[in-house]
Amino acid sequence: MKLGAHVSTSGGLQKAIERATNIGAEAIQIFASSPRAWRFRHPDDETAEEFRRLSEQENVSPCYIHGSYLVNIGGSSDQIEKSIDSLVNNMQAAAKIGAEGVIFHGGSHKGKGFDNVFDQAVDTLQKVLELSPDNVWLCLENSAGMGAHIGSSFQEMGALISGVNHPNLKVCLDTEHLFAAGYNIASPRELKEVMKEFDAEIGLDKLVAVHANDSKVELGAGVDRHENIGDGHIGTDGFKCIMAEPSFKNVPFFLEVPGFDGEGPDKKNLDLLKEIRKTLECKSRH
């Protein structure tokens, strides 16, 4: 598996590649525009070309774009319209810079219940995919189980994916969100069952990315709180278990941790994952 991180694009998209190489990231996740605003700034041709060139030169791939935090496929009609525009803009930017796809959160049904927003959510995602380039993936990320958030269970995610029924709708699994939602991925025996359930409800062929984050909160706490690798309730042993699971063998991992210096994903966190990978490779050779 490739081990990467979410990195800042401050100062220009191409700066992200430099930051990635500085911490030893082999793959990269970025924001293409501010994640906290609807307004979208598309990369110009020159910037996109330079980003592609540097990605290839430094062998940093794949790249994923993380969509806006404002997207909500369970929201009001105004939110739906803006969410479609936002996701399509990100998908167009992904195609332009050579990214694999766009990872997004489903948002919240605001207490209406998943079943009551289901048709709207399916219709929204179908529209996004119809309006997007066909060479990039739209990737639904699992949620941590907070309140009315959409997609904290494989059942909900699987229902959406079946309903939309489009080959470009994929899945990104966040380890902290899984753990917080009650999936015990830190236990080898239970992880096997978790991934069996994932395959039955969604399909392992849909899994294209992993957000590798330890958890500040306990199993099933239902809260989205990322921690540095080894410092949380999943722990180093938990990540050994996760990275040894065959379902993740060829799936890129992206850190979204606070960083040991509080500055976001860093070399130390990546080195911890690389050490685990190295140990697992040695074991498989012997």
C-alpha atoms as a PDB file:
ATOM      1  CA  MET A   1       0.000   0.000   0.000  1.00  0.00           C
ATOM      2  CA  LYS A   2       1.070   3.578  -0.661  1.00  0.00           C
ATOM      3  CA  LEU A   3       1.344   5.698   2.492  1.00  0.00           C
ATOM      4  CA  GLY A   4       0.452   9.355   2.141  1.00  0.00           C
ATOM      5  CA  ALA A   5      -1.086  12.357   3.825  1.00  0.00           C
ATOM      6  CA  HIS A   6      -3.391  15.319   3.470  1.00  0.00           C
ATOM      7  CA  VAL A   7      -1.148  18.309   2.771  1.00  0.00           C
ATOM      8  CA  SER A   8      -1.708  22.036   2.452  1.00  0.00           C
ATOM      9  CA  THR A   9      -1.902  23.790  -0.915  1.00  0.00           C
ATOM     10  CA  SER A  10      -1.129  27.173   0.638  1.00  0.00           C
ATOM     11  CA  GLY A  11       0.907  29.213  -1.853  1.00  0.00           C
ATOM     12  CA  GLY A  12      -0.290  27.174  -4.824  1.00  0.00           C
ATOM     13  CA  LEU A  13      -1.190  23.599  -5.747  1.00  0.00           C
ATOM     14  CA  GLN A  14       2.370  22.742  -6.753  1.00  0.00           C
ATOM     15  CA  LYS A  15       3.569  23.542  -3.196  1.00  0.00           C
ATOM     16  CA  ALA A  16       1.612  20.496  -2.015  1.00  0.00           C
ATOM     17  CA  ILE A  17       4.007  18.147  -3.818  1.00  0.00           C
ATOM     18  CA  GLU A  18       6.998  19.781  -2.124  1.00  0.00           C
ATOM     19  CA  ARG A  19       5.310  19.426   1.275  1.00  0.00           C
ATOM     20  CA  ALA A  20       4.469  15.797   0.524  1.00  0.00           C
ATOM     21  CA  THR A  21       8.064  14.917  -0.371  1.00  0.00           C
ATOM     22  CA  ASN A  22       9.352  16.759   2.720  1.00  0.00           C
ATOM     23  CA  ILE A  23       7.477  14.357   5.004  1.00  0.00           C
ATOM     24  CA  GLY A  24       8.009  11.290   2.820  1.00  0.00           C
ATOM     25  CA  ALA A  25       4.418  10.979   1.558  1.00  0.00           C
ATOM     26  CA  GLU A  26       4.029   8.562  -1.354  1.00  0.00           C
ATOM     27  CA  ALA A  27       0.450   9.641  -2.089  1.00  0.00           C
ATOM     28  CA  ILE A  28      -1.400  12.890  -1.485  1.00  0.00           C
ATOM     29  CA  GLN A  29      -4.765  14.347  -0.535  1.00  0.00           C
ATOM     30  CA  ILE A  30      -5.489  18.063  -0.946  1.00  0.00           C
ATOM     31  CA  PHE A  31      -8.244  20.656  -0.962  1.00  0.00           C
ATOM     32  CA  ALA A  32      -8.654  22.141  -4.437  1.00  0.00           C
ATOM     33  CA  SER A  33     -10.395  25.195  -2.964  1.00  0.00           C
ATOM     34  CA  SER A  34     -11.445  26.353   0.513  1.00  0.00           C
ATOM     35  CA  PRO A  35     -13.364  23.485   2.191  1.00  0.00           C
ATOM     36  CA  ARG A  36     -15.401  25.947   4.242  1.00  0.00           C
ATOM     37  CA  ALA A  37     -16.789  28.064   1.382  1.00  0.00           C
ATOM     38  CA  TRP A  38     -19.135  27.409  -1.547  1.00  0.00           C
ATOM     39  CA  ARG A  39     -17.133  29.663  -3.837  1.00  0.00           C
ATOM     40  CA  PHE A  40     -14.749  27.586  -5.943  1.00  0.00           C
ATOM     41  CA  ARG A  41     -11.507  28.667  -7.574  1.00  0.00           C
ATOM     42  CA  HIS A  42     -10.539  26.398 -10.445  1.00  0.00           C
ATOM     43  CA  PRO A  43      -6.813  25.802 -11.014  1.00  0.00           C
ATOM     44  CA  ASP A  44      -5.550  27.484 -14.175  1.00  0.00           C
ATOM     45  CA  ASP A  45      -4.008  25.410 -16.978  1.00  0.00           C
ATOM     46  CA  GLU A  46      -0.427  26.294 -16.089  1.00  0.00           C
ATOM     47  CA  THR A  47      -0.857  25.379 -12.391  1.00  0.00           C
ATOM     48  CA  ALA A  48      -2.597  22.103 -13.246  1.00  0.00           C
ATOM     49  CA  GLU A  49       0.147  21.168 -15.712  1.00  0.00           C
ATOM     50  CA  GLU A  50       2.885  21.949 -13.167  1.00  0.00           C
ATOM     51  CA  PHE A  51       1.103  19.895 -10.515  1.00  0.00           C
ATOM     52  CA  ARG A  52       0.906  16.914 -12.889  1.00  0.00           C
ATOM     53  CA  ARG A  53       4.581  17.304 -13.847  1.00  0.00           C
ATOM     54  CA  LEU A  54       5.790  17.463 -10.237  1.00  0.00           C
ATOM     55  CA  SER A  55       3.569  14.535  -9.180  1.00  0.00           C
ATOM     56  CA  GLU A  56       5.169  12.407 -11.873  1.00  0.00           C
ATOM     57  CA  GLN A  57       8.688  13.697 -11.238  1.00  0.00           C
ATOM     58  CA  GLU A  58       8.500  13.029  -7.487  1.00  0.00           C
ATOM     59  CA  ASN A  59       6.425   9.855  -7.921  1.00  0.00           C
ATOM     60  CA  VAL A  60       3.694  11.141  -5.592  1.00  0.00           C
ATOM     61  CA  SER A  61       0.482   9.365  -6.535  1.00  0.00           C
ATOM     62  CA  PRO A  62      -2.366   8.739  -6.375  1.00  0.00           C
ATOM     63  CA  CYS A  63      -3.830  12.143  -5.566  1.00  0.00           C
ATOM     64  CA  TYR A  64      -7.301  12.641  -4.133  1.00  0.00           C
ATOM     65  CA  ILE A  65      -9.157  15.896  -3.588  1.00  0.00           C
ATOM     66  CA  HIS A  66     -11.198  16.244  -0.394  1.00  0.00           C
ATOM     67  CA  GLY A  67     -14.472  18.011  -1.091  1.00  0.00           C
ATOM     68  CA  SER A  68     -16.050  20.875   0.800  1.00  0.00           C
ATOM     69  CA  TYR A  69     -17.230  20.317   4.377  1.00  0.00           C
ATOM     70  CA  LEU A  70     -20.425  22.197   3.443  1.00  0.00           C
ATOM     71  CA  VAL A  71     -21.682  19.425   1.132  1.00  0.00           C
ATOM     72  CA  ASN A  72     -24.865  17.814   2.456  1.00  0.00           C
ATOM     73  CA  ILE A  73     -26.792  15.274   0.398  1.00  0.00           C
ATOM     74  CA  GLY A  74     -29.464  15.183   3.123  1.00  0.00           C
ATOM     75  CA  GLY A  75     -30.016  18.938   3.327  1.00  0.00           C
ATOM     76  CA  SER A  76     -32.490  21.548   2.090  1.00  0.00           C
ATOM     77  CA  SER A  77     -33.095  22.138  -1.632  1.00  0.00           C
ATOM     78  CA  ASP A  78     -30.755  25.157  -1.505  1.00  0.00           C
ATOM     79  CA  GLN A  79     -28.014  23.036   0.100  1.00  0.00           C
ATOM     80  CA  ILE A  80     -28.551  20.279  -2.470  1.00  0.00           C
ATOM     81  CA  GLU A  81     -28.106  22.703  -5.369  1.00  0.00           C
ATOM     82  CA  LYS A  82     -24.913  24.124  -3.860  1.00  0.00           C
ATOM     83  CA  SER A  83     -23.640  20.633  -2.964  1.00  0.00           C
ATOM     84  CA  ILE A  84     -24.055  19.448  -6.561  1.00  0.00           C
ATOM     85  CA  ASP A  85     -22.176  22.515  -7.878  1.00  0.00           C
ATOM     86  CA  SER A  86     -19.436  22.079  -5.289  1.00  0.00           C
ATOM     87  CA  LEU A  87     -18.875  18.380  -5.982  1.00  0.00           C
ATOM     88  CA  VAL A  88     -18.951  18.855  -9.759  1.00  0.00           C
ATOM     89  CA  ASN A  89     -16.408  21.707  -9.495  1.00  0.00           C
ATOM     90  CA  ASN A  90     -14.127  19.454  -7.435  1.00  0.00           C
ATOM     91  CA  MET A  91     -14.568  16.569  -9.882  1.00  0.00           C
ATOM     92  CA  GLN A  92     -13.644  18.859 -12.791  1.00  0.00           C
ATOM     93  CA  ALA A  93     -10.569  20.078 -10.901  1.00  0.00           C
ATOM     94  CA  ALA A  94      -9.609  16.454 -10.132  1.00  0.00           C
ATOM     95  CA  ALA A  95      -9.718  15.565 -13.828  1.00  0.00           C
ATOM     96  CA  LYS A  96      -7.664  18.643 -14.684  1.00  0.00           C
ATOM     97  CA  ILE A  97      -4.830  17.934 -12.209  1.00  0.00           C
ATOM     98  CA  GLY A  98      -4.805  14.156 -12.788  1.00  0.00           C
ATOM     99  CA  ALA A  99      -6.325  13.197  -9.424  1.00  0.00           C
ATOM    100  CA  GLU A 100      -8.084   9.842  -8.991  1.00  0.00           C
ATOM    101  CA  GLY A 101     -11.177  11.351  -7.471  1.00  0.00           C
ATOM    102  CA  VAL A 102     -12.994  13.421  -4.874  1.00  0.00           C
ATOM    103  CA  ILE A 103     -13.677  12.245  -1.317  1.00  0.00           C
ATOM    104  CA  PHE A 104     -16.720  13.778   0.398  1.00  0.00           C
ATOM    105  CA  HIS A 105     -18.833  13.521   3.559  1.00  0.00           C
ATOM    106  CA  GLY A 106     -22.532  12.787   3.087  1.00  0.00           C
ATOM    107  CA  GLY A 107     -23.628  15.384   5.631  1.00  0.00           C
ATOM    108  CA  SER A 108     -26.694  15.090   7.859  1.00  0.00           C
ATOM    109  CA  HIS A 109     -30.382  14.232   7.471  1.00  0.00           C
ATOM    110  CA  LYS A 110     -31.072  16.816  10.227  1.00  0.00           C
ATOM    111  CA  GLY A 111     -33.241  14.435  12.229  1.00  0.00           C
ATOM    112  CA  LYS A 112     -35.518  13.562   9.303  1.00  0.00           C
ATOM    113  CA  GLY A 113     -34.142  10.007   9.240  1.00  0.00           C
ATOM    114  CA  PHE A 114     -31.992   8.332   6.593  1.00  0.00           C
ATOM    115  CA  ASP A 115     -34.962   6.684   4.863  1.00  0.00           C
ATOM    116  CA  ASN A 116     -36.675  10.052   4.449  1.00  0.00           C
ATOM    117  CA  VAL A 117     -33.724  11.649   2.642  1.00  0.00           C
ATOM    118  CA  PHE A 118     -32.657   8.521   0.762  1.00  0.00           C
ATOM    119  CA  ASP A 119     -34.302   9.296  -2.602  1.00  0.00           C
ATOM    120  CA  GLN A 120     -33.023  12.872  -2.500  1.00  0.00           C
ATOM    121  CA  ALA A 121     -29.484  11.708  -1.657  1.00  0.00           C
ATOM    122  CA  VAL A 122     -29.477   9.148  -4.492  1.00  0.00           C
ATOM    123  CA  ASP A 123     -30.815  11.722  -6.961  1.00  0.00           C
ATOM    124  CA  THR A 124     -28.162  14.242  -5.848  1.00  0.00           C
ATOM    125  CA  LEU A 125     -25.284  11.812  -6.361  1.00  0.00           C
ATOM    126  CA  GLN A 126     -26.643  10.685  -9.729  1.00  0.00           C
ATOM    127  CA  LYS A 127     -26.758  14.319 -10.872  1.00  0.00           C
ATOM    128  CA  VAL A 128     -23.179  14.929  -9.700  1.00  0.00           C
ATOM    129  CA  LEU A 129     -21.933  11.892 -11.628  1.00  0.00           C
ATOM    130  CA  GLU A 130     -23.905  12.834 -14.756  1.00  0.00           C
ATOM    131  CA  LEU A 131     -22.312  16.299 -14.761  1.00  0.00           C
ATOM    132  CA  SER A 132     -18.774  15.136 -13.909  1.00  0.00           C
ATOM    133  CA  PRO A 133     -15.891  13.907 -16.097  1.00  0.00           C
ATOM    134  CA  ASP A 134     -16.070  10.132 -16.483  1.00  0.00           C
ATOM    135  CA  ASN A 135     -12.401   9.496 -15.636  1.00  0.00           C
ATOM    136  CA  VAL A 136     -12.596  10.461 -11.927  1.00  0.00           C
ATOM    137  CA  TRP A 137     -14.220   8.788  -8.933  1.00  0.00           C
ATOM    138  CA  LEU A 138     -16.688  10.246  -6.464  1.00  0.00           C
ATOM    139  CA  CYS A 139     -15.835   8.685  -3.091  1.00  0.00           C
ATOM    140  CA  LEU A 140     -18.283   8.553  -0.193  1.00  0.00           C
ATOM    141  CA  GLU A 141     -16.536   8.655   3.186  1.00  0.00           C
ATOM    142  CA  ASN A 142     -17.997   6.878   6.215  1.00  0.00           C
ATOM    143  CA  SER A 143     -19.038   9.074   9.155  1.00  0.00           C
ATOM    144  CA  ALA A 144     -18.289   8.600  12.863  1.00  0.00           C
ATOM    145  CA  GLY A 145     -21.890   7.997  13.914  1.00  0.00           C
ATOM    146  CA  MET A 146     -22.606  11.482  15.238  1.00  0.00           C
ATOM    147  CA  GLY A 147     -26.309  12.246  15.616  1.00  0.00           C
ATOM    148  CA  ALA A 148     -28.009  12.502  12.251  1.00  0.00           C
ATOM    149  CA  HIS A 149     -24.904  12.076  10.089  1.00  0.00           C
ATOM    150  CA  ILE A 150     -25.289  10.012   6.927  1.00  0.00           C
ATOM    151  CA  GLY A 151     -23.175   6.931   6.203  1.00  0.00           C
ATOM    152  CA  SER A 152     -21.873   5.758   9.577  1.00  0.00           C
ATOM    153  CA  SER A 153     -23.009   2.186   8.841  1.00  0.00           C
ATOM    154  CA  PHE A 154     -22.060  -0.056   5.926  1.00  0.00           C
ATOM    155  CA  GLN A 155     -25.778  -0.671   5.488  1.00  0.00           C
ATOM    156  CA  GLU A 156     -26.470   3.011   4.765  1.00  0.00           C
ATOM    157  CA  MET A 157     -23.435   3.358   2.513  1.00  0.00           C
ATOM    158  CA  GLY A 158     -24.325   0.189   0.626  1.00  0.00           C
ATOM    159  CA  ALA A 159     -27.915   1.355   0.145  1.00  0.00           C
ATOM    160  CA  LEU A 160     -26.717   4.659  -1.350  1.00  0.00           C
ATOM    161  CA  ILE A 161     -24.216   2.949  -3.655  1.00  0.00           C
ATOM    162  CA  SER A 162     -26.808   0.416  -4.856  1.00  0.00           C
ATOM    163  CA  GLY A 163     -29.370   3.193  -5.330  1.00  0.00           C
ATOM    164  CA  VAL A 164     -27.040   5.405  -7.358  1.00  0.00           C
ATOM    165  CA  ASN A 165     -25.779   2.375  -9.319  1.00  0.00           C
ATOM    166  CA  HIS A 166     -22.838   4.088 -11.045  1.00  0.00           C
ATOM    167  CA  PRO A 167     -19.351   2.575 -11.578  1.00  0.00           C
ATOM    168  CA  ASN A 168     -17.643   5.836 -10.555  1.00  0.00           C
ATOM    169  CA  LEU A 169     -19.174   5.962  -7.060  1.00  0.00           C
ATOM    170  CA  LYS A 170     -16.547   4.522  -4.698  1.00  0.00           C
ATOM    171  CA  VAL A 171     -15.752   4.493  -0.963  1.00  0.00           C
ATOM    172  CA  CYS A 172     -13.106   5.965   1.321  1.00  0.00           C
ATOM    173  CA  LEU A 173     -12.942   4.427   4.814  1.00  0.00           C
ATOM    174  CA  ASP A 174     -11.731   6.550   7.721  1.00  0.00           C
ATOM    175  CA  THR A 175     -10.248   4.383  10.496  1.00  0.00           C
ATOM    176  CA  GLU A 176     -11.203   6.802  13.290  1.00  0.00           C
ATOM    177  CA  HIS A 177     -14.763   7.118  12.001  1.00  0.00           C
ATOM    178  CA  LEU A 178     -15.081   3.321  11.764  1.00  0.00           C
ATOM    179  CA  PHE A 179     -13.838   2.871  15.326  1.00  0.00           C
ATOM    180  CA  ALA A 180     -16.046   5.675  16.685  1.00  0.00           C
ATOM    181  CA  ALA A 181     -19.057   4.185  14.881  1.00  0.00           C
ATOM    182  CA  GLY A 182     -18.527   0.894  16.724  1.00  0.00           C
ATOM    183  CA  TYR A 183     -16.542  -1.172  14.212  1.00  0.00           C
ATOM    184  CA  ASN A 184     -13.692  -2.720  16.207  1.00  0.00           C
ATOM    185  CA  ILE A 185     -10.960  -2.621  13.576  1.00  0.00           C
ATOM    186  CA  ALA A 186      -8.244  -2.802  16.272  1.00  0.00           C
ATOM    187  CA  SER A 187      -8.995  -6.487  16.929  1.00  0.00           C
ATOM    188  CA  PRO A 188      -7.724  -8.990  14.304  1.00  0.00           C
ATOM    189  CA  ARG A 189     -10.712 -11.312  14.768  1.00  0.00           C
ATOM    190  CA  GLU A 190     -13.289  -8.526  14.704  1.00  0.00           C
ATOM    191  CA  LEU A 191     -11.622  -6.730  11.767  1.00  0.00           C
ATOM    192  CA  LYS A 192     -12.100  -9.885   9.650  1.00  0.00           C
ATOM    193  CA  GLU A 193     -15.836  -9.731  10.429  1.00  0.00           C
ATOM    194  CA  VAL A 194     -15.959  -5.975   9.758  1.00  0.00           C
ATOM    195  CA  MET A 195     -14.454  -6.411   6.293  1.00  0.00           C
ATOM    196  CA  LYS A 196     -16.736  -9.390   5.568  1.00  0.00           C
ATOM    197  CA  GLU A 197     -19.682  -7.128   6.362  1.00  0.00           C
ATOM    198  CA  PHE A 198     -18.194  -4.367   4.186  1.00  0.00           C
ATOM    199  CA  ASP A 199     -17.869  -6.791   1.277  1.00  0.00           C
ATOM    200  CA  ALA A 200     -21.441  -8.045   1.721  1.00  0.00           C
ATOM    201  CA  GLU A 201     -23.044  -4.593   2.051  1.00  0.00           C
ATOM    202  CA  ILE A 202     -20.834  -2.550  -0.310  1.00  0.00           C
ATOM    203  CA  GLY A 203     -18.226  -4.695  -2.094  1.00  0.00           C
ATOM    204  CA  LEU A 204     -14.455  -4.629  -1.632  1.00  0.00           C
ATOM    205  CA  ASP A 205     -14.073  -3.477  -5.250  1.00  0.00           C
ATOM    206  CA  LYS A 206     -15.596  -0.139  -4.167  1.00  0.00           C
ATOM    207  CA  LEU A 207     -12.860   0.584  -1.588  1.00  0.00           C
ATOM    208  CA  VAL A 208     -10.284   2.952  -3.139  1.00  0.00           C
ATOM    209  CA  ALA A 209      -8.831   4.992  -0.239  1.00  0.00           C
ATOM    210  CA  VAL A 210      -8.288   4.894   3.536  1.00  0.00           C
ATOM    211  CA  HIS A 211      -7.966   7.826   5.917  1.00  0.00           C
ATOM    212  CA  ALA A 212      -5.477   6.530   8.486  1.00  0.00           C
ATOM    213  CA  ASN A 213      -6.238   8.189  11.806  1.00  0.00           C
ATOM    214  CA  ASP A 214      -5.980   7.032  15.404  1.00  0.00           C
ATOM    215  CA  SER A 215      -8.919   7.848  17.689  1.00  0.00           C
ATOM    216  CA  LYS A 216      -9.077  10.233  20.663  1.00  0.00           C
ATOM    217  CA  VAL A 217     -12.339   8.535  21.648  1.00  0.00           C
ATOM    218  CA  GLU A 218     -13.258   5.011  22.686  1.00  0.00           C
ATOM    219  CA  LEU A 219     -14.877   2.346  20.517  1.00  0.00           C
ATOM    220  CA  GLY A 220     -18.451   3.315  19.634  1.00  0.00           C
ATOM    221  CA  ALA A 221     -18.204   6.855  21.080  1.00  0.00           C
ATOM    222  CA  GLY A 222     -19.774   8.285  17.909  1.00  0.00           C
ATOM    223  CA  VAL A 223     -17.503  11.348  17.789  1.00  0.00           C
ATOM    224  CA  ASP A 224     -15.102  12.493  15.065  1.00  0.00           C
ATOM    225  CA  ARG A 225     -11.809  13.117  16.922  1.00  0.00           C
ATOM    226  CA  HIS A 226      -8.560  12.216  15.171  1.00  0.00           C
ATOM    227  CA  GLU A 227      -5.369  11.368  17.077  1.00  0.00           C
ATOM    228  CA  ASN A 228      -1.760  10.735  16.050  1.00  0.00           C
ATOM    229  CA  ILE A 229      -0.824   7.158  15.185  1.00  0.00           C
ATOM    230  CA  GLY A 230      -0.184   5.165  18.374  1.00  0.00           C
ATOM    231  CA  ASP A 231      -1.499   7.875  20.709  1.00  0.00           C
ATOM    232  CA  GLY A 232      -5.165   6.916  20.507  1.00  0.00           C
ATOM    233  CA  HIS A 233      -7.540   4.069  21.292  1.00  0.00           C
ATOM    234  CA  ILE A 234      -6.753   2.179  18.068  1.00  0.00           C
ATOM    235  CA  GLY A 235      -3.048   2.247  18.911  1.00  0.00           C
ATOM    236  CA  THR A 236       0.021   0.934  17.127  1.00  0.00           C
ATOM    237  CA  ASP A 237      -1.135  -2.675  17.542  1.00  0.00           C
ATOM    238  CA  GLY A 238      -4.461  -1.709  15.997  1.00  0.00           C
ATOM    239  CA  PHE A 239      -2.712  -0.283  12.949  1.00  0.00           C
ATOM    240  CA  LYS A 240      -0.566  -3.438  12.661  1.00  0.00           C
ATOM    241  CA  CYS A 241      -3.816  -5.364  12.519  1.00  0.00           C
ATOM    242  CA  ILE A 242      -5.397  -2.970   9.963  1.00  0.00           C
ATOM    243  CA  MET A 243      -2.365  -2.903   7.676  1.00  0.00           C
ATOM    244  CA  ALA A 244      -2.062  -6.709   7.767  1.00  0.00           C
ATOM    245  CA  GLU A 245      -5.679  -7.103   6.592  1.00  0.00           C
ATOM    246  CA  PRO A 246      -5.638  -8.286   2.923  1.00  0.00           C
ATOM    247  CA  SER A 247      -8.611  -6.018   2.038  1.00  0.00           C
ATOM    248  CA  PHE A 248      -6.302  -2.978   2.415  1.00  0.00           C
ATOM    249  CA  LYS A 249      -3.272  -4.426   0.632  1.00  0.00           C
ATOM    250  CA  ASN A 250      -3.448  -2.240  -2.497  1.00  0.00           C
ATOM    251  CA  VAL A 251      -5.392   0.707  -1.060  1.00  0.00           C
ATOM    252  CA  PRO A 252      -3.574   4.028  -0.450  1.00  0.00           C
ATOM    253  CA  PHE A 253      -3.567   5.335   3.143  1.00  0.00           C
ATOM    254  CA  PHE A 254      -3.808   9.082   3.819  1.00  0.00           C
ATOM    255  CA  LEU A 255      -3.021  10.589   7.223  1.00  0.00           C
ATOM    256  CA  GLU A 256      -5.376  13.266   8.570  1.00  0.00           C
ATOM    257  CA  VAL A 257      -3.831  13.430  12.036  1.00  0.00           C
ATOM    258  CA  PRO A 258      -3.172  16.525  14.216  1.00  0.00           C
ATOM    259  CA  GLY A 259       0.605  15.972  13.994  1.00  0.00           C
ATOM    260  CA  PHE A 260       3.020  15.587  16.891  1.00  0.00           C
ATOM    261  CA  ASP A 261       3.819  19.307  16.635  1.00  0.00           C
ATOM    262  CA  GLY A 262       0.174  20.270  16.067  1.00  0.00           C
ATOM    263  CA  GLU A 263       0.846  21.262  12.459  1.00  0.00           C
ATOM    264  CA  GLY A 264      -1.031  18.397  10.773  1.00  0.00           C
ATOM    265  CA  PRO A 265       0.229  15.176   9.153  1.00  0.00           C
ATOM    266  CA  ASP A 266       4.006  14.906   9.629  1.00  0.00           C
ATOM    267  CA  LYS A 267       7.024  12.720   8.939  1.00  0.00           C
ATOM    268  CA  LYS A 268       6.881  11.088  12.384  1.00  0.00           C
ATOM    269  CA  ASN A 269       3.335   9.781  11.813  1.00  0.00           C
ATOM    270  CA  LEU A 270       4.250   8.562   8.327  1.00  0.00           C
ATOM    271  CA  ASP A 271       7.406   6.884   9.606  1.00  0.00           C
ATOM    272  CA  LEU A 272       5.315   4.986  12.181  1.00  0.00           C
ATOM    273  CA  LEU A 273       3.108   3.607   9.390  1.00  0.00           C
ATOM    274  CA  LYS A 274       6.144   2.835   7.212  1.00  0.00           C
ATOM    275  CA  GLU A 275       7.747   0.907  10.078  1.00  0.00           C
ATOM    276  CA  ILE A 276       4.596  -1.205  10.438  1.00  0.00           C
ATOM    277  CA  ARG A 277       4.523  -1.812   6.674  1.00  0.00           C
ATOM    278  CA  LYS A 278       8.188  -2.825   6.700  1.00  0.00           C
ATOM    279  CA  THR A 279       7.618  -5.294   9.559  1.00  0.00           C
ATOM    280  CA  LEU A 280       4.658  -6.827   7.723  1.00  0.00           C
ATOM    281  CA  GLU A 281       6.695  -7.132   4.499  1.00  0.00           C
ATOM    282  CA  CYS A 282       9.487  -8.932   6.405  1.00  0.00           C
ATOM    283  CA  LYS A 283       6.947 -11.315   7.942  1.00  0.00           C
ATOM    284  CA  SER A 284       5.378 -12.110   4.562  1.00  0.00           C
ATOM    285  CA  ARG A 285       8.820 -12.853   3.058  1.00  0.00           C
ATOM    286  CA  HIS A 286       9.618 -15.306   5.848  1.00  0.00           C
END
